[in-house]
Amino acid sequence: MTLVYDKFFELLSIKGINKSDLRNYGFSPRVSVKLSKGEDISTNTINRICKLLNCQPGDIMEYIPDDKVES
């Protein structure tokens, strides 16, 4: 299973927030790196992102089945 966070970065852009601004909202730089690489993040982090962006989890991430992931 693969979760991708492309929607998160699109939503940041729409809201006028860049990756470095996330630090001002209490997110470590590692969170941006993990999201960029599609790595696991905690549900607590997802909750905090949704609160910041006033959105639902599906607005920031998308599930892509393993058989659809490009190698």
PDB file of N, CA and C in Angstrom:
ATOM      1  N   MET A   1       0.849  -1.179   0.000  1.00  0.00           N
ATOM      2  CA  MET A   1       0.000   0.000   0.000  1.00  0.00           C
ATOM      3  C   MET A   1       0.886   1.230   0.000  1.00  0.00           C
ATOM      4  N   THR A   2       0.441   2.218  -0.734  1.00  0.00           N
ATOM      5  CA  THR A   2       1.207   3.451  -0.810  1.00  0.00           C
ATOM      6  C   THR A   2       0.281   4.647  -0.615  1.00  0.00           C
ATOM      7  N   LEU A   3       0.674   5.513   0.277  1.00  0.00           N
ATOM      8  CA  LEU A   3      -0.023   6.781   0.439  1.00  0.00           C
ATOM      9  C   LEU A   3       0.853   7.862  -0.175  1.00  0.00           C
ATOM     10  N   VAL A   4       0.250   8.721  -0.972  1.00  0.00           N
ATOM     11  CA  VAL A   4       0.983   9.847  -1.542  1.00  0.00           C
ATOM     12  C   VAL A   4       0.349  11.132  -1.025  1.00  0.00           C
ATOM     13  N   TYR A   5       1.168  12.130  -0.872  1.00  0.00           N
ATOM     14  CA  TYR A   5       0.742  13.382  -0.261  1.00  0.00           C
ATOM     15  C   TYR A   5       0.795  14.552  -1.236  1.00  0.00           C
ATOM     16  N   ASP A   6       0.660  14.273  -2.533  1.00  0.00           N
ATOM     17  CA  ASP A   6       0.680  15.343  -3.533  1.00  0.00           C
ATOM     18  C   ASP A   6      -0.416  16.366  -3.263  1.00  0.00           C
ATOM     19  N   LYS A   7      -1.571  15.883  -2.827  1.00  0.00           N
ATOM     20  CA  LYS A   7      -2.690  16.785  -2.523  1.00  0.00           C
ATOM     21  C   LYS A   7      -2.327  17.766  -1.405  1.00  0.00           C
ATOM     22  N   PHE A   8      -1.518  17.304  -0.463  1.00  0.00           N
ATOM     23  CA  PHE A   8      -1.086  18.163   0.641  1.00  0.00           C
ATOM     24  C   PHE A   8      -0.315  19.356   0.110  1.00  0.00           C
ATOM     25  N   PHE A   9       0.641  19.094  -0.782  1.00  0.00           N
ATOM     26  CA  PHE A   9       1.464  20.174  -1.308  1.00  0.00           C
ATOM     27  C   PHE A   9       0.660  21.104  -2.211  1.00  0.00           C
ATOM     28  N   GLU A  10      -0.324  20.566  -2.918  1.00  0.00           N
ATOM     29  CA  GLU A  10      -1.216  21.406  -3.719  1.00  0.00           C
ATOM     30  C   GLU A  10      -2.038  22.318  -2.816  1.00  0.00           C
ATOM     31  N   LEU A  11      -2.548  21.757  -1.725  1.00  0.00           N
ATOM     32  CA  LEU A  11      -3.356  22.541  -0.787  1.00  0.00           C
ATOM     33  C   LEU A  11      -2.516  23.621  -0.105  1.00  0.00           C
ATOM     34  N   LEU A  12      -1.280  23.294   0.233  1.00  0.00           N
ATOM     35  CA  LEU A  12      -0.386  24.315   0.798  1.00  0.00           C
ATOM     36  C   LEU A  12      -0.251  25.487  -0.160  1.00  0.00           C
ATOM     37  N   SER A  13      -0.025  25.180  -1.416  1.00  0.00           N
ATOM     38  CA  SER A  13       0.144  26.215  -2.432  1.00  0.00           C
ATOM     39  C   SER A  13      -1.114  27.072  -2.549  1.00  0.00           C
ATOM     40  N   ILE A  14      -2.260  26.435  -2.581  1.00  0.00           N
ATOM     41  CA  ILE A  14      -3.540  27.155  -2.680  1.00  0.00           C
ATOM     42  C   ILE A  14      -3.716  28.100  -1.497  1.00  0.00           C
ATOM     43  N   LYS A  15      -3.297  27.640  -0.311  1.00  0.00           N
ATOM     44  CA  LYS A  15      -3.464  28.445   0.904  1.00  0.00           C
ATOM     45  C   LYS A  15      -2.314  29.426   1.113  1.00  0.00           C
ATOM     46  N   GLY A  16      -1.344  29.433   0.201  1.00  0.00           N
ATOM     47  CA  GLY A  16      -0.229  30.370   0.304  1.00  0.00           C
ATOM     48  C   GLY A  16       0.761  30.043   1.398  1.00  0.00           C
ATOM     49  N   ILE A  17       0.895  28.767   1.703  1.00  0.00           N
ATOM     50  CA  ILE A  17       1.821  28.306   2.736  1.00  0.00           C
ATOM     51  C   ILE A  17       2.929  27.516   2.046  1.00  0.00           C
ATOM     52  N   ASN A  18       4.192  27.823   2.365  1.00  0.00           N
ATOM     53  CA  ASN A  18       5.268  27.013   1.794  1.00  0.00           C
ATOM     54  C   ASN A  18       5.827  26.072   2.855  1.00  0.00           C
ATOM     55  N   LYS A  19       6.660  25.158   2.413  1.00  0.00           N
ATOM     56  CA  LYS A  19       7.190  24.133   3.327  1.00  0.00           C
ATOM     57  C   LYS A  19       7.883  24.749   4.529  1.00  0.00           C
ATOM     58  N   SER A  20       8.636  25.811   4.304  1.00  0.00           N
ATOM     59  CA  SER A  20       9.366  26.407   5.432  1.00  0.00           C
ATOM     60  C   SER A  20       8.422  27.060   6.437  1.00  0.00           C
ATOM     61  N   ASP A  21       7.241  27.495   5.993  1.00  0.00           N
ATOM     62  CA  ASP A  21       6.253  28.063   6.917  1.00  0.00           C
ATOM     63  C   ASP A  21       5.752  27.033   7.920  1.00  0.00           C
ATOM     64  N   LEU A  22       5.794  25.762   7.541  1.00  0.00           N
ATOM     65  CA  LEU A  22       5.292  24.720   8.434  1.00  0.00           C
ATOM     66  C   LEU A  22       6.013  24.741   9.776  1.00  0.00           C
ATOM     67  N   ARG A  23       7.270  25.103   9.761  1.00  0.00           N
ATOM     68  CA  ARG A  23       8.038  25.174  11.013  1.00  0.00           C
ATOM     69  C   ARG A  23       7.424  26.197  11.968  1.00  0.00           C
ATOM     70  N   ASN A  24       6.936  27.311  11.406  1.00  0.00           N
ATOM     71  CA  ASN A  24       6.284  28.342  12.228  1.00  0.00           C
ATOM     72  C   ASN A  24       5.001  27.829  12.874  1.00  0.00           C
ATOM     73  N   TYR A  25       4.428  26.785  12.300  1.00  0.00           N
ATOM     74  CA  TYR A  25       3.206  26.185  12.844  1.00  0.00           C
ATOM     75  C   TYR A  25       3.519  24.991  13.744  1.00  0.00           C
ATOM     76  N   GLY A  26       4.791  24.797  14.077  1.00  0.00           N
ATOM     77  CA  GLY A  26       5.171  23.761  15.030  1.00  0.00           C
ATOM     78  C   GLY A  26       5.523  22.410  14.440  1.00  0.00           C
ATOM     79  N   PHE A  27       5.656  22.330  13.112  1.00  0.00           N
ATOM     80  CA  PHE A  27       6.039  21.072  12.468  1.00  0.00           C
ATOM     81  C   PHE A  27       7.547  21.035  12.290  1.00  0.00           C
ATOM     82  N   SER A  28       8.143  19.887  12.572  1.00  0.00           N
ATOM     83  CA  SER A  28       9.580  19.751  12.376  1.00  0.00           C
ATOM     84  C   SER A  28       9.867  19.662  10.876  1.00  0.00           C
ATOM     85  N   PRO A  29      11.073  20.025  10.465  1.00  0.00           N
ATOM     86  CA  PRO A  29      11.443  19.897   9.048  1.00  0.00           C
ATOM     87  C   PRO A  29      11.310  18.458   8.559  1.00  0.00           C
ATOM     88  N   ARG A  30      11.458  17.511   9.446  1.00  0.00           N
ATOM     89  CA  ARG A  30      11.366  16.091   9.087  1.00  0.00           C
ATOM     90  C   ARG A  30       9.979  15.732   8.545  1.00  0.00           C
ATOM     91  N   VAL A  31       8.934  16.412   9.018  1.00  0.00           N
ATOM     92  CA  VAL A  31       7.578  16.134   8.540  1.00  0.00           C
ATOM     93  C   VAL A  31       7.486  16.411   7.044  1.00  0.00           C
ATOM     94  N   SER A  32       8.010  17.541   6.602  1.00  0.00           N
ATOM     95  CA  SER A  32       8.009  17.867   5.165  1.00  0.00           C
ATOM     96  C   SER A  32       8.774  16.833   4.360  1.00  0.00           C
ATOM     97  N   VAL A  33       9.900  16.413   4.888  1.00  0.00           N
ATOM     98  CA  VAL A  33      10.712  15.407   4.194  1.00  0.00           C
ATOM     99  C   VAL A  33       9.923  14.108   4.063  1.00  0.00           C
ATOM    100  N   LYS A  34       9.314  13.672   5.156  1.00  0.00           N
ATOM    101  CA  LYS A  34       8.532  12.431   5.126  1.00  0.00           C
ATOM    102  C   LYS A  34       7.374  12.526   4.136  1.00  0.00           C
ATOM    103  N   LEU A  35       6.682  13.659   4.136  1.00  0.00           N
ATOM    104  CA  LEU A  35       5.566  13.835   3.211  1.00  0.00           C
ATOM    105  C   LEU A  35       6.062  13.842   1.765  1.00  0.00           C
ATOM    106  N   SER A  36       7.174  14.481   1.516  1.00  0.00           N
ATOM    107  CA  SER A  36       7.739  14.527   0.163  1.00  0.00           C
ATOM    108  C   SER A  36       8.108  13.141  -0.349  1.00  0.00           C
ATOM    109  N   LYS A  37       8.573  12.300   0.562  1.00  0.00           N
ATOM    110  CA  LYS A  37       9.011  10.956   0.185  1.00  0.00           C
ATOM    111  C   LYS A  37       7.900   9.914   0.303  1.00  0.00           C
ATOM    112  N   GLY A  38       6.708  10.328   0.758  1.00  0.00           N
ATOM    113  CA  GLY A  38       5.611   9.384   0.922  1.00  0.00           C
ATOM    114  C   GLY A  38       5.838   8.415   2.063  1.00  0.00           C
ATOM    115  N   GLU A  39       6.604   8.841   3.061  1.00  0.00           N
ATOM    116  CA  GLU A  39       6.871   7.987   4.218  1.00  0.00           C
ATOM    117  C   GLU A  39       5.721   8.085   5.220  1.00  0.00           C
ATOM    118  N   ASP A  40       5.718   7.153   6.162  1.00  0.00           N
ATOM    119  CA  ASP A  40       4.678   7.124   7.189  1.00  0.00           C
ATOM    120  C   ASP A  40       4.762   8.350   8.086  1.00  0.00           C
ATOM    121  N   ILE A  41       3.591   8.895   8.394  1.00  0.00           N
ATOM    122  CA  ILE A  41       3.478   9.941   9.405  1.00  0.00           C
ATOM    123  C   ILE A  41       2.395   9.506  10.379  1.00  0.00           C
ATOM    124  N   SER A  42       2.436  10.047  11.569  1.00  0.00           N
ATOM    125  CA  SER A  42       1.482   9.621  12.602  1.00  0.00           C
ATOM    126  C   SER A  42       0.104  10.230  12.361  1.00  0.00           C
ATOM    127  N   THR A  43      -0.887   9.584  12.941  1.00  0.00           N
ATOM    128  CA  THR A  43      -2.237  10.136  12.851  1.00  0.00           C
ATOM    129  C   THR A  43      -2.311  11.473  13.593  1.00  0.00           C
ATOM    130  N   ASN A  44      -1.497  11.644  14.597  1.00  0.00           N
ATOM    131  CA  ASN A  44      -1.430  12.924  15.299  1.00  0.00           C
ATOM    132  C   ASN A  44      -0.978  14.022  14.336  1.00  0.00           C
ATOM    133  N   THR A  45       0.013  13.724  13.503  1.00  0.00           N
ATOM    134  CA  THR A  45       0.497  14.702  12.528  1.00  0.00           C
ATOM    135  C   THR A  45      -0.585  14.991  11.493  1.00  0.00           C
ATOM    136  N   ILE A  46      -1.272  13.960  11.032  1.00  0.00           N
ATOM    137  CA  ILE A  46      -2.371  14.148  10.080  1.00  0.00           C
ATOM    138  C   ILE A  46      -3.439  15.040  10.703  1.00  0.00           C
ATOM    139  N   ASN A  47      -3.760  14.790  11.949  1.00  0.00           N
ATOM    140  CA  ASN A  47      -4.747  15.601  12.663  1.00  0.00           C
ATOM    141  C   ASN A  47      -4.317  17.064  12.725  1.00  0.00           C
ATOM    142  N   ARG A  48      -3.070  17.309  13.066  1.00  0.00           N
ATOM    143  CA  ARG A  48      -2.552  18.676  13.166  1.00  0.00           C
ATOM    144  C   ARG A  48      -2.564  19.381  11.812  1.00  0.00           C
ATOM    145  N   ILE A  49      -2.219  18.645  10.745  1.00  0.00           N
ATOM    146  CA  ILE A  49      -2.243  19.216   9.397  1.00  0.00           C
ATOM    147  C   ILE A  49      -3.671  19.590   9.011  1.00  0.00           C
ATOM    148  N   CYS A  50      -4.607  18.688   9.274  1.00  0.00           N
ATOM    149  CA  CYS A  50      -6.011  18.947   8.937  1.00  0.00           C
ATOM    150  C   CYS A  50      -6.549  20.145   9.715  1.00  0.00           C
ATOM    151  N   LYS A  51      -6.146  20.277  10.957  1.00  0.00           N
ATOM    152  CA  LYS A  51      -6.568  21.423  11.754  1.00  0.00           C
ATOM    153  C   LYS A  51      -5.997  22.709  11.175  1.00  0.00           C
ATOM    154  N   LEU A  52      -4.727  22.694  10.824  1.00  0.00           N
ATOM    155  CA  LEU A  52      -4.078  23.872  10.259  1.00  0.00           C
ATOM    156  C   LEU A  52      -4.727  24.292   8.945  1.00  0.00           C
ATOM    157  N   LEU A  53      -4.991  23.324   8.077  1.00  0.00           N
ATOM    158  CA  LEU A  53      -5.498  23.620   6.742  1.00  0.00           C
ATOM    159  C   LEU A  53      -7.025  23.584   6.652  1.00  0.00           C
ATOM    160  N   ASN A  54      -7.674  23.271   7.792  1.00  0.00           N
ATOM    161  CA  ASN A  54      -9.134  23.168   7.829  1.00  0.00           C
ATOM    162  C   ASN A  54      -9.630  22.242   6.709  1.00  0.00           C
ATOM    163  N   CYS A  55      -9.154  20.997   6.768  1.00  0.00           N
ATOM    164  CA  CYS A  55      -9.484  20.040   5.712  1.00  0.00           C
ATOM    165  C   CYS A  55      -9.680  18.640   6.296  1.00  0.00           C
ATOM    166  N   GLN A  56     -10.024  17.708   5.453  1.00  0.00           N
ATOM    167  CA  GLN A  56     -10.177  16.306   5.814  1.00  0.00           C
ATOM    168  C   GLN A  56      -8.933  15.540   5.358  1.00  0.00           C
ATOM    169  N   PRO A  57      -8.630  14.378   5.971  1.00  0.00           N
ATOM    170  CA  PRO A  57      -7.451  13.612   5.569  1.00  0.00           C
ATOM    171  C   PRO A  57      -7.401  13.315   4.060  1.00  0.00           C
ATOM    172  N   GLY A  58      -8.539  13.039   3.457  1.00  0.00           N
ATOM    173  CA  GLY A  58      -8.570  12.765   2.030  1.00  0.00           C
ATOM    174  C   GLY A  58      -8.201  13.965   1.170  1.00  0.00           C
ATOM    175  N   ASP A  59      -8.204  15.154   1.777  1.00  0.00           N
ATOM    176  CA  ASP A  59      -7.803  16.363   1.054  1.00  0.00           C
ATOM    177  C   ASP A  59      -6.286  16.501   0.963  1.00  0.00           C
ATOM    178  N   ILE A  60      -5.558  15.718   1.780  1.00  0.00           N
ATOM    179  CA  ILE A  60      -4.098  15.853   1.798  1.00  0.00           C
ATOM    180  C   ILE A  60      -3.356  14.589   1.380  1.00  0.00           C
ATOM    181  N   MET A  61      -4.065  13.472   1.289  1.00  0.00           N
ATOM    182  CA  MET A  61      -3.386  12.233   0.926  1.00  0.00           C
ATOM    183  C   MET A  61      -4.285  11.357   0.079  1.00  0.00           C
ATOM    184  N   GLU A  62      -3.632  10.448  -0.644  1.00  0.00           N
ATOM    185  CA  GLU A  62      -4.353   9.544  -1.530  1.00  0.00           C
ATOM    186  C   GLU A  62      -3.722   8.159  -1.444  1.00  0.00           C
ATOM    187  N   TYR A  63      -4.563   7.149  -1.370  1.00  0.00           N
ATOM    188  CA  TYR A  63      -4.109   5.764  -1.364  1.00  0.00           C
ATOM    189  C   TYR A  63      -3.979   5.286  -2.803  1.00  0.00           C
ATOM    190  N   ILE A  64      -2.838   4.696  -3.107  1.00  0.00           N
ATOM    191  CA  ILE A  64      -2.616   4.095  -4.416  1.00  0.00           C
ATOM    192  C   ILE A  64      -2.240   2.633  -4.183  1.00  0.00           C
ATOM    193  N   PRO A  65      -3.057   1.699  -4.696  1.00  0.00           N
ATOM    194  CA  PRO A  65      -2.757   0.275  -4.500  1.00  0.00           C
ATOM    195  C   PRO A  65      -1.371  -0.070  -5.064  1.00  0.00           C
ATOM    196  N   ASP A  66      -0.717  -1.051  -4.450  1.00  0.00           N
ATOM    197  CA  ASP A  66       0.629  -1.444  -4.853  1.00  0.00           C
ATOM    198  C   ASP A  66       0.729  -1.784  -6.340  1.00  0.00           C
ATOM    199  N   ASP A  67      -0.301  -2.382  -6.910  1.00  0.00           N
ATOM    200  CA  ASP A  67      -0.225  -2.771  -8.316  1.00  0.00           C
ATOM    201  C   ASP A  67      -0.311  -1.565  -9.254  1.00  0.00           C
ATOM    202  N   LYS A  68      -0.598  -0.371  -8.719  1.00  0.00           N
ATOM    203  CA  LYS A  68      -0.675   0.836  -9.541  1.00  0.00           C
ATOM    204  C   LYS A  68       0.564   1.723  -9.362  1.00  0.00           C
ATOM    205  N   VAL A  69       1.437   1.376  -8.405  1.00  0.00           N
ATOM    206  CA  VAL A  69       2.627   2.169  -8.131  1.00  0.00           C
ATOM    207  C   VAL A  69       3.659   1.897  -9.215  1.00  0.00           C
ATOM    208  N   GLU A  70       4.196   3.000  -9.781  1.00  0.00           N
ATOM    209  CA  GLU A  70       5.229   2.845 -10.792  1.00  0.00           C
ATOM    210  C   GLU A  70       6.550   2.492 -10.121  1.00  0.00           C
ATOM    211  N   SER A  71       7.286   1.608 -10.742  1.00  0.00           N
ATOM    212  CA  SER A  71       8.580   1.205 -10.178  1.00  0.00           C
ATOM    213  C   SER A  71       9.685   2.060 -10.724  1.00  0.00           C
TER     214      SER A  71
END
